[in-house]
Amino acid sequence: MTALTVLLLVVSAAAARQGIVEAAEAAITMELDGMPLTSDVAPYVKSNRTFVPLRVVSEGIGAFVDWQAASKTVTIRQNGITIEMVMGSSTAVVGGHSMALDVPLQSVSGRTMVPIRFVSEQLGLNVDWNQDSRRITLTTSGWEGSGGTNNGSSSNGSTGVLAGSNTLRGAWIASVSNLDWPSSSSKGNTAKQKQQFTDMLDNLQAQGINAVFVQVRPSADALYPSKLVPWSQVLTGTPGKDPGYDPLAFMIEEAHNHGMQFHAWFNPFRVTASGTDTSKLAANNVALQHPDWIVKASSRLYLNPGIPAARQHIIDAIMEVVNQYPIDGVHLDDYFYPSDETTSSPFDDSAAFKAYNSKGFKTKADWRRDNINTFVSDLNASIHAAKPQLVFGISPSGIWRNQATDPTGSATSGRSAYDSEYADARAWIQGGDIDYVAPQVYWSFATAAAPYDKVVDWWANEVKGTGVKLYIGMAPYKIGSPEKGWQTAQELMNQLKYNEKFSQIQGSIFYRSSSLLGNPFGLTQLLKSYYGLTT
């Protein structure tokens, strides 16, 4: 979503009475560019100003929101605009300039409350209050609607089309094996790495991308100074070698300067992308520090998800970033248990199954799923205890389960994340352990085993009514491949248009940035047109 939605949780004070107004008394409805909007918390009015919880702002808007408890400072950043407010202060700083606040930030029952009117005006949103209908209408500049009313509907739960410009438009930037950034040719060259990243953001933004998901932990290592894991070899060519600067701090600043969200992407359990020779690893690599936590499988090394201490080590490493950097979100990919396990190449965790099966699972499969579910739940709790407004999401493989195995699964016949990676996205969604899910739907409409529309239909229904946002992981890297349906870039455009049927789908993430920037079959111009960036 965009700045818009911040407003959205909003002006629920338009009635304009002084004092706190309860949600039940307000009976106010809201909509954004014709889309009905709801909030699970009641805003209130004080001194004729409407206040909403900071978490509401962060979840409803596509903006970066950060709360620093030590200084009691809130920072909101969107499209190059930065707003800073301090608890109790009657002055805000917008774009480096001081501005007066009629009413300062509030703290109510431990919740930080921000003045929505002030925030909305600074972010450039249009607000209209209809006293008769008690409705707040929020619109982006230039939005073309029919009186702010959305009449679209469908049997699949759609409530109309949310304009592409109002959704998350992300790109994965893979660092493993120097796939996207940093390039192999830039190893050890700080200036070149910085320039390449800035150029990448420039070009992605020109295509309509407003969020980047950067792989900061490719293989039990880091693109930032860490006390727990070594420097990644992708930076210098040598595992554990200090590159001479903080790449993560640089990337976050660059993304925010571009008005883009920065999501820190972690590969949790993979220790090596290829090979099992530990002599090539940095001395402080977890495989050398805790060899009892490691499993060799499929010619790679993995941290064993069945060992509680190993899971906590990963959480601690992720929390270094959460606590020390102003990221917009924590993101995990689909690497949990290896999906290519076979009887001849097993993931040998039998000892851990015996030692750490306190819940008494009868099958190793159920135990493995519980290990991942516990990890996700514990990580979610840690993130939101430190920064309640920070978003946490996962991008699992596109098929949860097939109908042939589970009647509640999708009408597909491909590899199941539930059965192969022991990743139970349904449990995360229903348990409230993630803020969004971004399934990797990397198939065309013509793929017999997993047609794009059938997979998307299933996910849209799965998140419906849960409060968990749905972003679709999309595959520009397949354009031009011999795989059926991918002979032109129009396949991807048709998929984007199909997504518009569902109000549950609030954006897309493209794998991967190099594929977008490679402009396969004229994709760049098509995306610019779709996102309204052409004249």
Protein backbone atom coordinates (compact mmCIF):
# COMPACT_ATOMS: atom_id res chain seq x y z
CA MET A 1 0.00 0.00 0.00
CA THR A 2 1.05 3.61 -0.04
CA ALA A 3 1.06 6.68 1.99
CA LEU A 4 -2.51 6.65 1.51
CA THR A 5 -3.51 4.01 3.82
CA VAL A 6 -1.96 5.80 6.66
CA LEU A 7 -4.67 8.23 6.34
CA LEU A 8 -7.02 5.66 6.05
CA LEU A 9 -6.88 4.68 9.68
CA VAL A 10 -7.53 8.01 10.30
CA VAL A 11 -9.43 10.94 10.43
CA SER A 12 -11.87 8.85 12.27
CA ALA A 13 -12.33 11.93 14.16
CA ALA A 14 -13.86 13.95 11.55
CA ALA A 15 -16.85 14.37 13.75
CA ALA A 16 -14.60 16.81 15.55
CA ARG A 17 -15.57 16.61 19.15
CA GLN A 18 -12.91 17.32 21.69
CA GLY A 19 -11.78 14.51 23.92
CA ILE A 20 -11.48 10.82 23.21
CA VAL A 21 -14.10 9.32 20.96
CA GLU A 22 -14.72 5.61 21.08
CA ALA A 23 -14.89 3.65 17.84
CA ALA A 24 -18.42 2.46 18.60
CA GLU A 25 -19.59 6.04 19.12
CA ALA A 26 -17.86 7.33 16.01
CA ALA A 27 -19.47 4.84 13.59
CA ILE A 28 -17.26 6.31 10.92
CA THR A 29 -16.48 4.52 7.67
CA MET A 30 -13.40 5.08 5.56
CA GLU A 31 -12.31 4.42 2.02
CA LEU A 32 -9.15 4.88 0.02
CA ASP A 33 -9.39 5.52 -3.72
CA GLY A 34 -12.77 3.83 -3.69
CA MET A 35 -11.67 0.90 -1.55
CA PRO A 36 -13.36 0.39 1.84
CA LEU A 37 -10.88 0.50 4.72
CA THR A 38 -11.14 -0.72 8.27
CA SER A 39 -9.11 -0.43 11.45
CA ASP A 40 -9.08 -2.75 14.44
CA VAL A 41 -8.33 0.14 16.80
CA ALA A 42 -10.32 3.25 17.52
CA PRO A 43 -8.73 6.61 16.81
CA TYR A 44 -9.58 9.46 19.14
CA VAL A 45 -9.88 13.22 18.98
CA LYS A 46 -8.00 15.59 21.24
CA SER A 47 -8.00 19.35 20.79
CA ASN A 48 -9.79 18.86 17.47
CA ARG A 49 -6.99 16.63 16.17
CA THR A 50 -7.38 12.95 15.36
CA PHE A 51 -4.81 10.51 16.69
CA VAL A 52 -4.15 6.93 15.54
CA PRO A 53 -1.74 4.28 16.83
CA LEU A 54 1.72 4.30 15.27
CA ARG A 55 1.35 0.63 14.36
CA VAL A 56 -1.77 1.48 12.38
CA VAL A 57 0.24 4.00 10.41
CA SER A 58 3.01 1.51 9.69
CA GLU A 59 0.69 -1.31 8.66
CA GLY A 60 -1.69 0.74 6.58
CA ILE A 61 0.84 2.82 4.71
CA GLY A 62 3.66 1.90 2.41
CA ALA A 63 5.89 4.20 4.41
CA PHE A 64 8.90 3.51 6.57
CA VAL A 65 8.00 4.05 10.22
CA ASP A 66 10.50 3.86 13.05
CA TRP A 67 10.11 4.34 16.80
CA GLN A 68 13.19 4.98 18.91
CA ALA A 69 12.25 4.37 22.53
CA ALA A 70 15.41 5.94 23.94
CA SER A 71 14.77 9.35 22.38
CA LYS A 72 10.98 8.87 22.10
CA THR A 73 11.21 9.81 18.44
CA VAL A 74 8.95 8.71 15.59
CA THR A 75 10.27 8.85 12.01
CA ILE A 76 7.91 8.45 9.06
CA ARG A 77 9.38 8.35 5.56
CA GLN A 78 7.57 8.08 2.23
CA ASN A 79 8.48 9.09 -1.33
CA GLY A 80 11.40 11.22 -0.24
CA ILE A 81 9.46 12.96 2.54
CA THR A 82 10.73 12.49 6.10
CA ILE A 83 8.69 13.45 9.17
CA GLU A 84 10.22 13.37 12.65
CA MET A 85 8.19 13.87 15.83
CA VAL A 86 9.22 13.59 19.47
CA MET A 87 6.89 12.56 22.27
CA GLY A 88 5.63 15.65 24.08
CA SER A 89 7.17 18.12 21.63
CA SER A 90 5.01 20.73 19.90
CA THR A 91 7.44 20.86 16.97
CA ALA A 92 7.93 18.39 14.12
CA VAL A 93 10.74 18.28 11.58
CA VAL A 94 9.64 17.77 7.98
CA GLY A 95 12.33 17.54 5.33
CA GLY A 96 14.78 19.19 7.70
CA HIS A 97 12.50 22.13 8.47
CA SER A 98 10.72 22.71 11.79
CA MET A 99 6.94 22.90 11.80
CA ALA A 100 4.54 23.59 14.67
CA LEU A 101 2.21 20.88 15.94
CA ASP A 102 -1.12 21.88 17.46
CA VAL A 103 -0.98 18.79 19.65
CA PRO A 104 2.17 16.72 20.24
CA LEU A 105 2.52 12.92 20.09
CA GLN A 106 0.52 11.10 22.75
CA SER A 107 1.07 7.94 24.75
CA VAL A 108 -2.09 6.05 25.67
CA SER A 109 -1.98 2.72 27.47
CA GLY A 110 1.55 2.21 26.27
CA ARG A 111 0.65 2.95 22.64
CA THR A 112 2.27 5.76 20.70
CA MET A 113 -0.43 7.87 19.02
CA VAL A 114 0.30 10.19 16.09
CA PRO A 115 -1.75 13.11 14.66
CA ILE A 116 -3.12 11.73 11.42
CA ARG A 117 -4.18 15.07 9.94
CA PHE A 118 -0.68 16.47 10.16
CA VAL A 119 0.92 13.31 8.82
CA SER A 120 -1.53 13.03 5.94
CA GLU A 121 -1.05 16.61 4.80
CA GLN A 122 2.72 16.20 4.75
CA LEU A 123 2.42 13.00 2.70
CA GLY A 124 0.22 14.69 0.11
CA LEU A 125 -3.04 12.80 0.60
CA ASN A 126 -6.46 14.29 -0.06
CA VAL A 127 -9.05 13.92 2.70
CA ASP A 128 -12.77 14.56 2.50
CA TRP A 129 -15.26 14.29 5.39
CA ASN A 130 -18.95 13.78 4.65
CA GLN A 131 -20.92 14.66 7.78
CA ASP A 132 -24.17 13.18 6.50
CA SER A 133 -22.76 9.75 5.73
CA ARG A 134 -20.03 10.02 8.38
CA ARG A 135 -17.52 8.83 5.84
CA ILE A 136 -13.89 9.75 5.38
CA THR A 137 -12.73 9.56 1.78
CA LEU A 138 -9.00 9.39 1.15
CA THR A 139 -7.56 9.80 -2.32
CA THR A 140 -4.19 10.03 -3.93
CA SER A 141 -3.46 12.96 -6.16
CA GLY A 142 -4.76 12.31 -9.65
CA TRP A 143 -6.93 9.35 -8.71
CA GLU A 144 -9.87 9.02 -11.07
CA GLY A 145 -12.91 7.53 -9.38
CA SER A 146 -16.64 7.82 -9.64
CA GLY A 147 -17.45 9.92 -6.66
CA GLY A 148 -15.15 7.89 -4.45
CA THR A 149 -17.42 4.88 -4.70
CA ASN A 150 -16.25 1.42 -5.60
CA ASN A 151 -18.93 -0.79 -7.04
CA GLY A 152 -16.73 -3.65 -8.20
CA SER A 153 -17.29 -7.07 -6.72
CA SER A 154 -16.98 -10.73 -7.60
CA SER A 155 -17.79 -14.12 -6.20
CA ASN A 156 -14.18 -14.66 -5.17
CA GLY A 157 -14.26 -11.92 -2.58
CA SER A 158 -12.93 -9.13 -4.74
CA THR A 159 -14.07 -5.64 -3.86
CA GLY A 160 -12.65 -3.90 -6.87
CA VAL A 161 -9.37 -2.79 -8.37
CA LEU A 162 -6.73 -1.04 -6.34
CA ALA A 163 -4.64 1.04 -8.70
CA GLY A 164 -1.17 -0.34 -9.35
CA SER A 165 0.37 2.88 -8.08
CA ASN A 166 -1.12 2.27 -4.63
CA THR A 167 0.37 -1.18 -4.03
CA LEU A 168 3.69 -2.55 -2.93
CA ARG A 169 5.86 -3.05 -5.98
CA GLY A 170 8.94 -4.91 -4.80
CA ALA A 171 12.06 -6.42 -6.26
CA TRP A 172 14.26 -9.08 -4.73
CA ILE A 173 17.96 -8.21 -4.82
CA ALA A 174 19.89 -11.46 -4.39
CA SER A 175 23.43 -11.31 -3.06
CA VAL A 176 24.17 -15.05 -2.93
CA SER A 177 26.74 -15.99 -5.58
CA ASN A 178 26.79 -12.27 -6.52
CA LEU A 179 23.60 -12.75 -8.53
CA ASP A 180 22.29 -9.17 -8.40
CA TRP A 181 24.45 -7.15 -6.04
CA PRO A 182 27.30 -6.78 -5.40
CA SER A 183 28.56 -7.88 -8.79
CA SER A 184 31.50 -10.27 -9.01
CA SER A 185 33.51 -7.54 -10.69
CA SER A 186 32.99 -5.20 -7.72
CA LYS A 187 34.40 -7.48 -5.02
CA GLY A 188 36.63 -5.44 -2.71
CA ASN A 189 35.77 -2.19 -4.50
CA THR A 190 33.64 -0.04 -2.19
CA ALA A 191 33.11 2.81 -4.64
CA LYS A 192 31.99 0.45 -7.39
CA GLN A 193 29.61 -1.42 -5.10
CA LYS A 194 28.00 1.80 -3.93
CA GLN A 195 27.64 3.16 -7.44
CA GLN A 196 26.17 -0.07 -8.75
CA PHE A 197 23.61 -0.16 -5.96
CA THR A 198 22.58 3.45 -6.50
CA ASP A 199 22.27 2.85 -10.24
CA MET A 200 20.19 -0.25 -9.59
CA LEU A 201 17.77 1.72 -7.40
CA ASP A 202 17.54 4.47 -10.02
CA ASN A 203 16.62 1.97 -12.72
CA LEU A 204 14.24 -0.04 -10.56
CA GLN A 205 12.44 3.10 -9.46
CA ALA A 206 12.10 4.17 -13.09
CA GLN A 207 10.17 0.93 -13.69
CA GLY A 208 7.79 1.63 -10.82
CA ILE A 209 9.47 -0.34 -8.03
CA ASN A 210 8.90 1.20 -4.59
CA ALA A 211 10.41 -1.46 -2.31
CA VAL A 212 13.54 -3.59 -2.36
CA PHE A 213 14.05 -6.89 -0.57
CA VAL A 214 17.81 -7.19 -0.20
CA GLN A 215 19.46 -10.45 0.80
CA VAL A 216 21.58 -9.41 3.79
CA ARG A 217 22.20 -12.97 5.05
CA PRO A 218 22.86 -15.18 2.01
CA SER A 219 24.50 -18.13 3.80
CA ALA A 220 24.90 -17.83 7.58
CA ASP A 221 26.92 -14.66 7.00
CA ALA A 222 26.26 -10.94 6.79
CA LEU A 223 26.37 -7.81 4.66
CA TYR A 224 26.81 -5.80 7.86
CA PRO A 225 29.18 -5.86 10.86
CA SER A 226 27.95 -8.64 13.16
CA LYS A 227 29.06 -10.05 16.49
CA LEU A 228 27.46 -13.39 15.65
CA VAL A 229 28.18 -14.21 12.00
CA PRO A 230 31.08 -13.48 9.61
CA TRP A 231 31.24 -10.98 6.79
CA SER A 232 29.92 -12.50 3.56
CA GLN A 233 32.44 -13.44 0.91
CA VAL A 234 30.25 -11.83 -1.76
CA LEU A 235 31.64 -8.46 -0.66
CA THR A 236 35.37 -9.12 -0.95
CA GLY A 237 35.77 -12.65 -2.25
CA THR A 238 37.07 -13.78 1.15
CA PRO A 239 34.80 -15.16 3.88
CA GLY A 240 34.99 -13.05 7.03
CA LYS A 241 36.91 -10.16 5.46
CA ASP A 242 35.79 -6.65 6.45
CA PRO A 243 34.86 -4.69 3.29
CA GLY A 244 35.83 -1.41 4.95
CA TYR A 245 32.32 0.02 5.17
CA ASP A 246 28.84 -0.94 6.34
CA PRO A 247 26.98 -2.04 3.18
CA LEU A 248 23.65 -2.42 4.98
CA ALA A 249 23.71 1.09 6.42
CA PHE A 250 24.59 2.46 2.99
CA MET A 251 21.85 0.51 1.21
CA ILE A 252 19.15 1.51 3.69
CA GLU A 253 20.08 5.17 3.39
CA GLU A 254 20.12 5.00 -0.40
CA ALA A 255 16.74 3.25 -0.54
CA HIS A 256 15.16 5.77 1.80
CA ASN A 257 16.69 8.65 -0.14
CA HIS A 258 14.90 7.20 -3.16
CA GLY A 259 11.64 7.05 -1.17
CA MET A 260 11.74 3.26 -1.34
CA GLN A 261 11.14 0.72 1.40
CA PHE A 262 14.06 -1.45 2.45
CA HIS A 263 13.27 -4.98 3.61
CA ALA A 264 16.12 -7.05 5.05
CA TRP A 265 15.96 -10.51 3.47
CA PHE A 266 17.43 -13.36 5.50
CA ASN A 267 18.11 -16.91 4.40
CA PRO A 268 17.74 -18.54 7.81
CA PHE A 269 19.07 -22.12 7.77
CA ARG A 270 21.45 -22.36 4.79
CA VAL A 271 25.13 -22.36 5.81
CA THR A 272 26.69 -22.95 2.38
CA ALA A 273 25.18 -22.42 -1.06
CA SER A 274 27.34 -25.24 -2.39
CA GLY A 275 29.97 -27.55 -0.97
CA THR A 276 30.60 -28.96 2.49
CA ASP A 277 34.29 -28.12 2.97
CA THR A 278 34.41 -26.21 6.26
CA SER A 279 38.08 -25.31 5.77
CA LYS A 280 36.96 -22.63 3.33
CA LEU A 281 34.73 -20.92 5.90
CA ALA A 282 35.56 -17.99 8.18
CA ALA A 283 36.81 -18.96 11.63
CA ASN A 284 33.67 -17.59 13.31
CA ASN A 285 31.27 -19.40 10.97
CA VAL A 286 28.59 -21.29 12.88
CA ALA A 287 29.62 -24.55 11.19
CA LEU A 288 32.99 -24.31 12.95
CA GLN A 289 31.70 -22.81 16.17
CA HIS A 290 28.86 -25.33 16.58
CA PRO A 291 29.46 -28.34 14.32
CA ASP A 292 26.83 -30.28 16.30
CA TRP A 293 24.18 -27.91 14.90
CA ILE A 294 25.08 -28.72 11.28
CA VAL A 295 23.56 -31.22 8.84
CA LYS A 296 25.17 -32.13 5.52
CA ALA A 297 22.58 -32.66 2.79
CA SER A 298 22.45 -32.26 -0.99
CA SER A 299 26.13 -31.20 -1.08
CA ARG A 300 25.41 -28.26 1.22
CA LEU A 301 25.54 -27.44 4.91
CA TYR A 302 22.44 -26.49 6.88
CA LEU A 303 21.66 -25.42 10.41
CA ASN A 304 19.42 -28.05 11.95
CA PRO A 305 15.96 -26.52 12.59
CA GLY A 306 15.30 -29.26 15.14
CA ILE A 307 17.86 -27.93 17.61
CA PRO A 308 16.40 -25.09 19.72
CA ALA A 309 19.78 -23.42 20.26
CA ALA A 310 20.39 -23.33 16.51
CA ARG A 311 17.04 -21.68 15.91
CA GLN A 312 17.74 -19.11 18.62
CA HIS A 313 21.13 -18.35 17.08
CA ILE A 314 19.39 -17.38 13.84
CA ILE A 315 16.86 -15.24 15.68
CA ASP A 316 19.66 -13.49 17.56
CA ALA A 317 21.45 -12.76 14.28
CA ILE A 318 18.30 -11.30 12.74
CA MET A 319 17.62 -9.24 15.85
CA GLU A 320 21.02 -7.56 15.48
CA VAL A 321 19.65 -5.95 12.34
CA VAL A 322 16.22 -5.23 13.81
CA ASN A 323 17.71 -3.44 16.80
CA GLN A 324 20.51 -1.57 15.04
CA TYR A 325 19.13 -0.52 11.64
CA PRO A 326 16.07 1.46 10.44
CA ILE A 327 14.82 -1.27 8.13
CA ASP A 328 11.21 -1.37 6.95
CA GLY A 329 10.75 -5.10 7.37
CA VAL A 330 12.21 -8.54 8.02
CA HIS A 331 11.80 -11.00 5.16
CA LEU A 332 12.46 -14.74 4.93
CA ASP A 333 12.54 -16.81 1.76
CA ASP A 334 11.55 -20.45 1.22
CA TYR A 335 14.74 -22.10 2.50
CA PHE A 336 13.74 -24.07 5.58
CA TYR A 337 14.37 -27.79 5.22
CA PRO A 338 15.98 -28.64 1.84
CA SER A 339 13.33 -29.46 -0.75
CA ASP A 340 15.52 -31.89 -2.67
CA GLU A 341 15.91 -34.47 0.11
CA THR A 342 15.90 -38.06 -1.15
CA THR A 343 16.41 -41.47 0.43
CA SER A 344 19.89 -41.55 -1.08
CA SER A 345 20.61 -38.00 0.11
CA PRO A 346 18.70 -37.62 3.37
CA PHE A 347 18.61 -34.74 5.82
CA ASP A 348 19.92 -36.71 8.78
CA ASP A 349 18.25 -35.24 11.83
CA SER A 350 17.27 -38.49 13.53
CA ALA A 351 19.38 -37.74 16.61
CA ALA A 352 17.72 -34.36 17.05
CA PHE A 353 14.29 -35.94 16.56
CA LYS A 354 15.00 -38.21 19.53
CA ALA A 355 16.60 -35.52 21.67
CA TYR A 356 14.22 -32.60 21.07
CA ASN A 357 10.80 -34.17 20.55
CA SER A 358 9.31 -32.94 23.81
CA LYS A 359 5.83 -32.71 22.25
CA GLY A 360 5.88 -36.38 21.37
CA PHE A 361 5.30 -36.19 17.62
CA LYS A 362 4.82 -39.61 16.03
CA THR A 363 6.30 -38.66 12.67
CA LYS A 364 9.42 -36.75 11.83
CA ALA A 365 7.44 -34.76 9.25
CA ASP A 366 5.09 -33.31 11.87
CA TRP A 367 8.02 -32.64 14.17
CA ARG A 368 9.87 -30.79 11.40
CA ARG A 369 6.85 -28.61 10.66
CA ASP A 370 6.54 -27.79 14.33
CA ASN A 371 10.21 -26.80 14.42
CA ILE A 372 9.64 -24.30 11.61
CA ASN A 373 6.36 -23.06 13.10
CA THR A 374 8.08 -22.52 16.45
CA PHE A 375 10.93 -20.67 14.78
CA VAL A 376 8.53 -18.38 12.88
CA SER A 377 6.44 -17.70 15.98
CA ASP A 378 9.48 -16.98 18.17
CA LEU A 379 11.02 -14.71 15.55
CA ASN A 380 7.75 -12.83 15.12
CA ALA A 381 7.49 -12.30 18.88
CA SER A 382 11.08 -11.06 19.11
CA ILE A 383 10.68 -8.61 16.22
CA HIS A 384 7.46 -7.09 17.49
CA ALA A 385 8.63 -6.92 21.08
CA ALA A 386 11.54 -4.77 19.91
CA LYS A 387 9.74 -2.77 17.20
CA PRO A 388 5.96 -3.30 17.16
CA GLN A 389 5.57 -1.38 13.92
CA LEU A 390 8.10 -3.43 11.92
CA VAL A 391 6.59 -5.79 9.35
CA PHE A 392 7.60 -9.44 9.14
CA GLY A 393 6.78 -11.68 6.22
CA ILE A 394 7.77 -14.88 4.46
CA SER A 395 7.91 -15.91 0.81
CA PRO A 396 7.16 -19.65 0.71
CA SER A 397 7.04 -21.86 -2.34
CA GLY A 398 3.87 -21.27 -4.31
CA ILE A 399 2.04 -24.52 -3.52
CA TRP A 400 1.02 -25.10 0.10
CA ARG A 401 -0.47 -28.55 -0.58
CA ASN A 402 -2.10 -30.22 -3.57
CA GLN A 403 -5.76 -31.22 -3.53
CA ALA A 404 -4.82 -34.82 -4.25
CA THR A 405 -3.04 -34.90 -0.88
CA ASP A 406 -5.26 -32.51 1.04
CA PRO A 407 -8.78 -31.55 -0.13
CA THR A 408 -8.21 -28.04 1.22
CA GLY A 409 -5.11 -27.57 -0.94
CA SER A 410 -4.88 -25.94 -4.37
CA ALA A 411 -5.91 -27.47 -7.71
CA THR A 412 -2.29 -28.24 -8.53
CA SER A 413 0.10 -31.19 -8.76
CA GLY A 414 3.50 -29.67 -8.04
CA ARG A 415 5.98 -29.78 -5.18
CA SER A 416 4.32 -28.92 -1.88
CA ALA A 417 6.02 -26.61 0.63
CA TYR A 418 4.14 -28.32 3.45
CA ASP A 419 5.47 -31.76 2.53
CA SER A 420 8.93 -30.99 1.11
CA GLU A 421 10.22 -27.95 3.01
CA TYR A 422 7.96 -28.53 6.04
CA ALA A 423 6.75 -24.95 5.69
CA ASP A 424 3.14 -24.60 6.83
CA ALA A 425 2.10 -21.14 5.66
CA ARG A 426 -1.49 -21.82 6.69
CA ALA A 427 -0.37 -22.19 10.30
CA TRP A 428 1.58 -18.91 10.16
CA ILE A 429 -1.38 -17.06 8.67
CA GLN A 430 -3.98 -18.45 11.05
CA GLY A 431 -1.66 -18.06 14.02
CA GLY A 432 -0.99 -14.39 13.28
CA ASP A 433 2.73 -15.05 13.14
CA ILE A 434 3.37 -13.04 9.97
CA ASP A 435 2.22 -9.64 8.74
CA TYR A 436 2.24 -10.68 5.08
CA VAL A 437 2.84 -13.72 2.93
CA ALA A 438 4.45 -13.54 -0.52
CA PRO A 439 4.08 -16.95 -2.21
CA GLN A 440 6.37 -17.58 -5.14
CA VAL A 441 3.86 -18.08 -7.95
CA TYR A 442 6.40 -18.66 -10.68
CA TRP A 443 4.14 -20.39 -13.20
CA SER A 444 2.26 -19.23 -16.28
CA PHE A 445 -1.47 -19.54 -16.86
CA ALA A 446 -0.63 -22.41 -19.20
CA THR A 447 1.32 -24.47 -16.67
CA ALA A 448 -0.72 -27.67 -16.32
CA ALA A 449 0.68 -28.69 -12.92
CA ALA A 450 0.20 -25.27 -11.35
CA PRO A 451 -1.77 -22.74 -13.41
CA TYR A 452 -1.13 -19.19 -12.24
CA ASP A 453 -4.78 -18.38 -11.69
CA LYS A 454 -5.49 -21.53 -9.67
CA VAL A 455 -2.55 -20.87 -7.35
CA VAL A 456 -3.42 -17.20 -6.86
CA ASP A 457 -7.08 -18.03 -6.25
CA TRP A 458 -6.05 -20.37 -3.44
CA TRP A 459 -3.80 -17.86 -1.70
CA ALA A 460 -6.35 -15.05 -1.98
CA ASN A 461 -8.92 -17.25 -0.29
CA GLU A 462 -6.42 -18.39 2.34
CA VAL A 463 -5.66 -14.89 3.65
CA LYS A 464 -9.21 -13.59 3.30
CA GLY A 465 -10.46 -12.17 6.58
CA THR A 466 -7.20 -12.85 8.46
CA GLY A 467 -5.56 -9.41 8.38
CA VAL A 468 -2.47 -10.92 6.77
CA LYS A 469 -1.49 -9.07 3.61
CA LEU A 470 -0.88 -10.96 0.39
CA TYR A 471 1.88 -10.04 -2.04
CA ILE A 472 2.44 -12.25 -5.06
CA GLY A 473 5.99 -13.34 -5.86
CA MET A 474 6.30 -13.07 -9.65
CA ALA A 475 8.82 -14.42 -12.16
CA PRO A 476 10.19 -11.98 -14.75
CA TYR A 477 13.25 -14.24 -14.86
CA LYS A 478 11.20 -16.79 -16.81
CA ILE A 479 10.27 -14.43 -19.63
CA GLY A 480 11.74 -15.76 -22.87
CA SER A 481 12.37 -19.21 -21.44
CA PRO A 482 11.14 -22.34 -23.26
CA GLU A 483 8.70 -23.02 -20.42
CA LYS A 484 5.13 -22.95 -21.68
CA GLY A 485 3.48 -19.54 -21.53
CA TRP A 486 6.61 -17.44 -21.07
CA GLN A 487 7.43 -16.63 -24.68
CA THR A 488 6.54 -12.93 -24.27
CA ALA A 489 6.49 -10.35 -21.48
CA GLN A 490 2.74 -10.08 -21.88
CA GLU A 491 2.38 -13.16 -19.66
CA LEU A 492 3.61 -11.16 -16.67
CA MET A 493 1.34 -8.24 -17.52
CA ASN A 494 -1.67 -10.56 -17.76
CA GLN A 495 -0.78 -11.89 -14.33
CA LEU A 496 -0.64 -8.39 -12.86
CA LYS A 497 -4.04 -7.67 -14.33
CA TYR A 498 -5.40 -10.92 -12.94
CA ASN A 499 -4.19 -9.90 -9.47
CA GLU A 500 -6.45 -6.85 -9.67
CA LYS A 501 -9.47 -9.11 -9.17
CA PHE A 502 -8.60 -9.56 -5.51
CA SER A 503 -8.65 -6.92 -2.81
CA GLN A 504 -6.56 -9.32 -0.72
CA ILE A 505 -3.61 -8.89 -3.11
CA GLN A 506 -1.86 -5.70 -2.09
CA GLY A 507 1.25 -5.87 -4.21
CA SER A 508 3.84 -7.88 -6.07
CA ILE A 509 7.49 -8.77 -5.57
CA PHE A 510 9.55 -9.59 -8.66
CA TYR A 511 12.32 -12.18 -8.76
CA ARG A 512 14.74 -10.76 -9.40
CA SER A 513 16.12 -7.27 -9.94
CA SER A 514 18.57 -8.23 -12.69
CA SER A 515 15.75 -9.88 -14.60
CA LEU A 516 13.65 -6.72 -14.38
CA LEU A 517 16.53 -4.52 -15.46
CA GLY A 518 17.40 -6.86 -18.32
CA ASN A 519 14.20 -5.67 -20.03
CA PRO A 520 13.20 -9.09 -21.42
CA PHE A 521 10.96 -8.71 -24.47
CA GLY A 522 10.23 -5.06 -23.73
CA LEU A 523 9.09 -5.59 -20.13
CA THR A 524 10.36 -2.20 -18.97
CA GLN A 525 7.99 -0.19 -21.14
CA LEU A 526 5.09 -2.47 -20.31
CA LEU A 527 5.65 -2.00 -16.57
CA LYS A 528 6.01 1.75 -16.92
CA SER A 529 2.73 1.87 -18.78
CA TYR A 530 0.99 -0.37 -16.27
CA TYR A 531 2.17 1.74 -13.34
CA GLY A 532 1.25 4.98 -15.09
CA LEU A 533 4.83 6.20 -15.56
CA THR A 534 4.55 7.01 -19.26
CA THR A 535 3.07 10.12 -20.82
